[in-house]
Structure formats: structure tokens, C-alpha cells
C-alpha atoms as a PDB file:
ATOM      1  CA  MET A   1     110.911 107.281  93.526  1.00  0.00           C
ATOM      2  CA  THR A   2     111.705 106.817  89.810  1.00  0.00           C
ATOM      3  CA  GLU A   3     113.538 103.853  88.530  1.00  0.00           C
ATOM      4  CA  ASN A   4     114.585 103.162  84.982  1.00  0.00           C
ATOM      5  CA  ALA A   5     114.361  99.314  85.644  1.00  0.00           C
ATOM      6  CA  ALA A   6     112.088  96.813  87.379  1.00  0.00           C
ATOM      7  CA  LEU A   7     111.473  98.048  90.881  1.00  0.00           C
ATOM      8  CA  ASP A   8     111.143  95.640  93.850  1.00  0.00           C
ATOM      9  CA  LEU A   9     109.939  97.214  97.074  1.00  0.00           C
ATOM     10  CA  ALA A  10     111.385  95.975 100.394  1.00  0.00           C
ATOM     11  CA  GLY A  11     109.453  96.349 103.503  1.00  0.00           C
ATOM     12  CA  THR A  12     109.100  99.962 104.497  1.00  0.00           C
ATOM     13  CA  THR A  13     106.854 102.394 106.521  1.00  0.00           C
ATOM     14  CA  ILE A  14     106.139 105.907 105.158  1.00  0.00           C
ATOM     15  CA  SER A  15     104.034 108.276 107.293  1.00  0.00           C
ATOM     16  CA  GLY A  16     103.337 110.718 104.372  1.00  0.00           C
ATOM     17  CA  THR A  17     102.741 110.125 100.733  1.00  0.00           C
ATOM     18  CA  GLY A  18     104.464 107.750  98.317  1.00  0.00           C
ATOM     19  CA  SER A  19     104.981 107.813  94.610  1.00  0.00           C
ATOM     20  CA  PHE A  20     106.767 104.932  92.658  1.00  0.00           C
ATOM     21  CA  ASN A  21     107.407 104.947  88.886  1.00  0.00           C
ATOM     22  CA  SER A  22     109.281 102.155  87.121  1.00  0.00           C
ATOM     23  CA  ARG A  23     109.163 103.758  83.642  1.00  0.00           C
ATOM     24  CA  ASN A  24     107.323 100.729  81.779  1.00  0.00           C
ATOM     25  CA  ASN A  25     109.154  98.079  83.968  1.00  0.00           C
ATOM     26  CA  ALA A  26     107.590  95.694  86.584  1.00  0.00           C
ATOM     27  CA  ILE A  27     106.897  96.847  90.163  1.00  0.00           C
ATOM     28  CA  THR A  28     106.665  94.136  92.862  1.00  0.00           C
ATOM     29  CA  ASP A  29     107.076  94.055  96.741  1.00  0.00           C
ATOM     30  CA  SER A  30     109.280  91.587  98.730  1.00  0.00           C
ATOM     31  CA  GLY A  31     108.123  92.951 102.109  1.00  0.00           C
ATOM     32  CA  THR A  32     105.227  94.660 103.886  1.00  0.00           C
ATOM     33  CA  LEU A  33     104.503  98.227 102.706  1.00  0.00           C
ATOM     34  CA  ALA A  34     102.703 100.781 105.118  1.00  0.00           C
ATOM     35  CA  ILE A  35     102.078 104.092 103.488  1.00  0.00           C
ATOM     36  CA  ALA A  36      99.716 106.338 105.281  1.00  0.00           C
ATOM     37  CA  GLY A  37      99.152 108.935 102.592  1.00  0.00           C
ATOM     38  CA  ALA A  38      98.054 109.026  98.966  1.00  0.00           C
ATOM     39  CA  THR A  39     100.173 106.382  97.110  1.00  0.00           C
ATOM     40  CA  THR A  40     100.950 106.285  93.402  1.00  0.00           C
ATOM     41  CA  PHE A  41     102.245 103.145  91.644  1.00  0.00           C
ATOM     42  CA  ASN A  42     102.986 103.565  87.919  1.00  0.00           C
ATOM     43  CA  SER A  43     104.545 100.597  86.195  1.00  0.00           C
ATOM     44  CA  GLY A  44     103.343 101.925  82.607  1.00  0.00           C
ATOM     45  CA  SER A  45     103.429  99.002  80.197  1.00  0.00           C
ATOM     46  CA  GLY A  46     105.006  96.795  82.926  1.00  0.00           C
ATOM     47  CA  ASN A  47     103.152  94.797  85.445  1.00  0.00           C
ATOM     48  CA  LEU A  48     102.278  95.915  88.879  1.00  0.00           C
ATOM     49  CA  THR A  49     102.009  93.191  91.541  1.00  0.00           C
ATOM     50  CA  LEU A  50     101.866  94.027  95.241  1.00  0.00           C
ATOM     51  CA  ASP A  51     101.089  90.685  97.075  1.00  0.00           C
ATOM     52  CA  GLN A  52     102.308  91.038 100.644  1.00  0.00           C
ATOM     53  CA  MET A  53      99.122  90.252 102.729  1.00  0.00           C
ATOM     54  CA  ALA A  54      99.955  92.781 105.555  1.00  0.00           C
ATOM     55  CA  SER A  55     100.513  95.848 103.246  1.00  0.00           C
ATOM     56  CA  THR A  56      98.344  98.975 103.855  1.00  0.00           C
ATOM     57  CA  PHE A  57      98.013 102.209 101.842  1.00  0.00           C
ATOM     58  CA  GLY A  58      96.390 105.518 101.799  1.00  0.00           C
ATOM     59  CA  SER A  59      94.360 106.275  98.645  1.00  0.00           C
ATOM     60  CA  LEU A  60      95.763 104.510  95.700  1.00  0.00           C
ATOM     61  CA  THR A  61      96.336 105.596  92.140  1.00  0.00           C
ATOM     62  CA  LEU A  62      97.395 102.573  90.073  1.00  0.00           C
ATOM     63  CA  THR A  63      98.947 102.397  86.438  1.00  0.00           C
ATOM     64  CA  GLY A  64     100.265  99.053  84.893  1.00  0.00           C
ATOM     65  CA  ALA A  65      99.545  96.532  82.166  1.00  0.00           C
ATOM     66  CA  ASN A  66      98.382  93.813  84.504  1.00  0.00           C
ATOM     67  CA  VAL A  67      97.773  95.116  88.075  1.00  0.00           C
ATOM     68  CA  SER A  68      97.261  92.860  91.251  1.00  0.00           C
ATOM     69  CA  VAL A  69      97.166  94.538  94.671  1.00  0.00           C
ATOM     70  CA  ILE A  70      96.549  93.005  98.069  1.00  0.00           C
ATOM     71  CA  GLU A  71      95.793  95.329 100.967  1.00  0.00           C
ATOM     72  CA  ASN A  72      95.075  94.423 104.683  1.00  0.00           C
ATOM     73  CA  ALA A  73      92.430  97.130 104.985  1.00  0.00           C
ATOM     74  CA  ALA A  74      89.516  98.581 102.945  1.00  0.00           C
ATOM     75  CA  MET A  75      91.113  99.675  99.751  1.00  0.00           C
ATOM     76  CA  ASP A  76      90.602 103.423  98.609  1.00  0.00           C
ATOM     77  CA  LEU A  77      91.070 103.446  94.907  1.00  0.00           C
ATOM     78  CA  ALA A  78      91.637 107.037  93.768  1.00  0.00           C
ATOM     79  CA  GLY A  79      92.307 106.091  90.206  1.00  0.00           C
ATOM     80  CA  ALA A  80      93.544 103.471  87.859  1.00  0.00           C
ATOM     81  CA  THR A  81      94.774 103.118  84.235  1.00  0.00           C
ATOM     82  CA  ILE A  82      95.219  99.417  83.351  1.00  0.00           C
END
């Protein structure tokens, strides 16, 4: 998913991979995210804040100016550019 504005992710379940790009705008979550496969969040020069306590992800690749991610499982960080 690519958005040319701030991206607020509502609760969702994805059994495969997920890719979210806000093109230098903030990415936040307003609901629990459950993504089983490799997951990429790219907020470029924007902030990346995923703070839902019950969220779970596959391996994470993160890009953002300021990054804060909470996961309800052991985190598998595949890569980060902060």
C-alpha cells in the first residue's frame, strides 16, 4: 500500500506479506495489526509509531525518522533505516 499522505492503519489481519509506504509522512496504527509474513513499513522522513500492544508481525523492515514499534511477540528485525 502506498499513500501520499499520513497513513493510519486500522486493525487488520493479513496472512501473507505486507508493505506500507507513506512517502515521507507519518505511519501510525489505530487498531491491532496481525501480519504473518515479511512486513515493511516505510515512512521515509516521517515518523513511524506502531503502539498497539496486541500487534504481531513477521520479519520487520523499518524506515522512518523516529521509529517506535510495539509487538506482542519476539520481534524479528530484518532491517532498519532510522
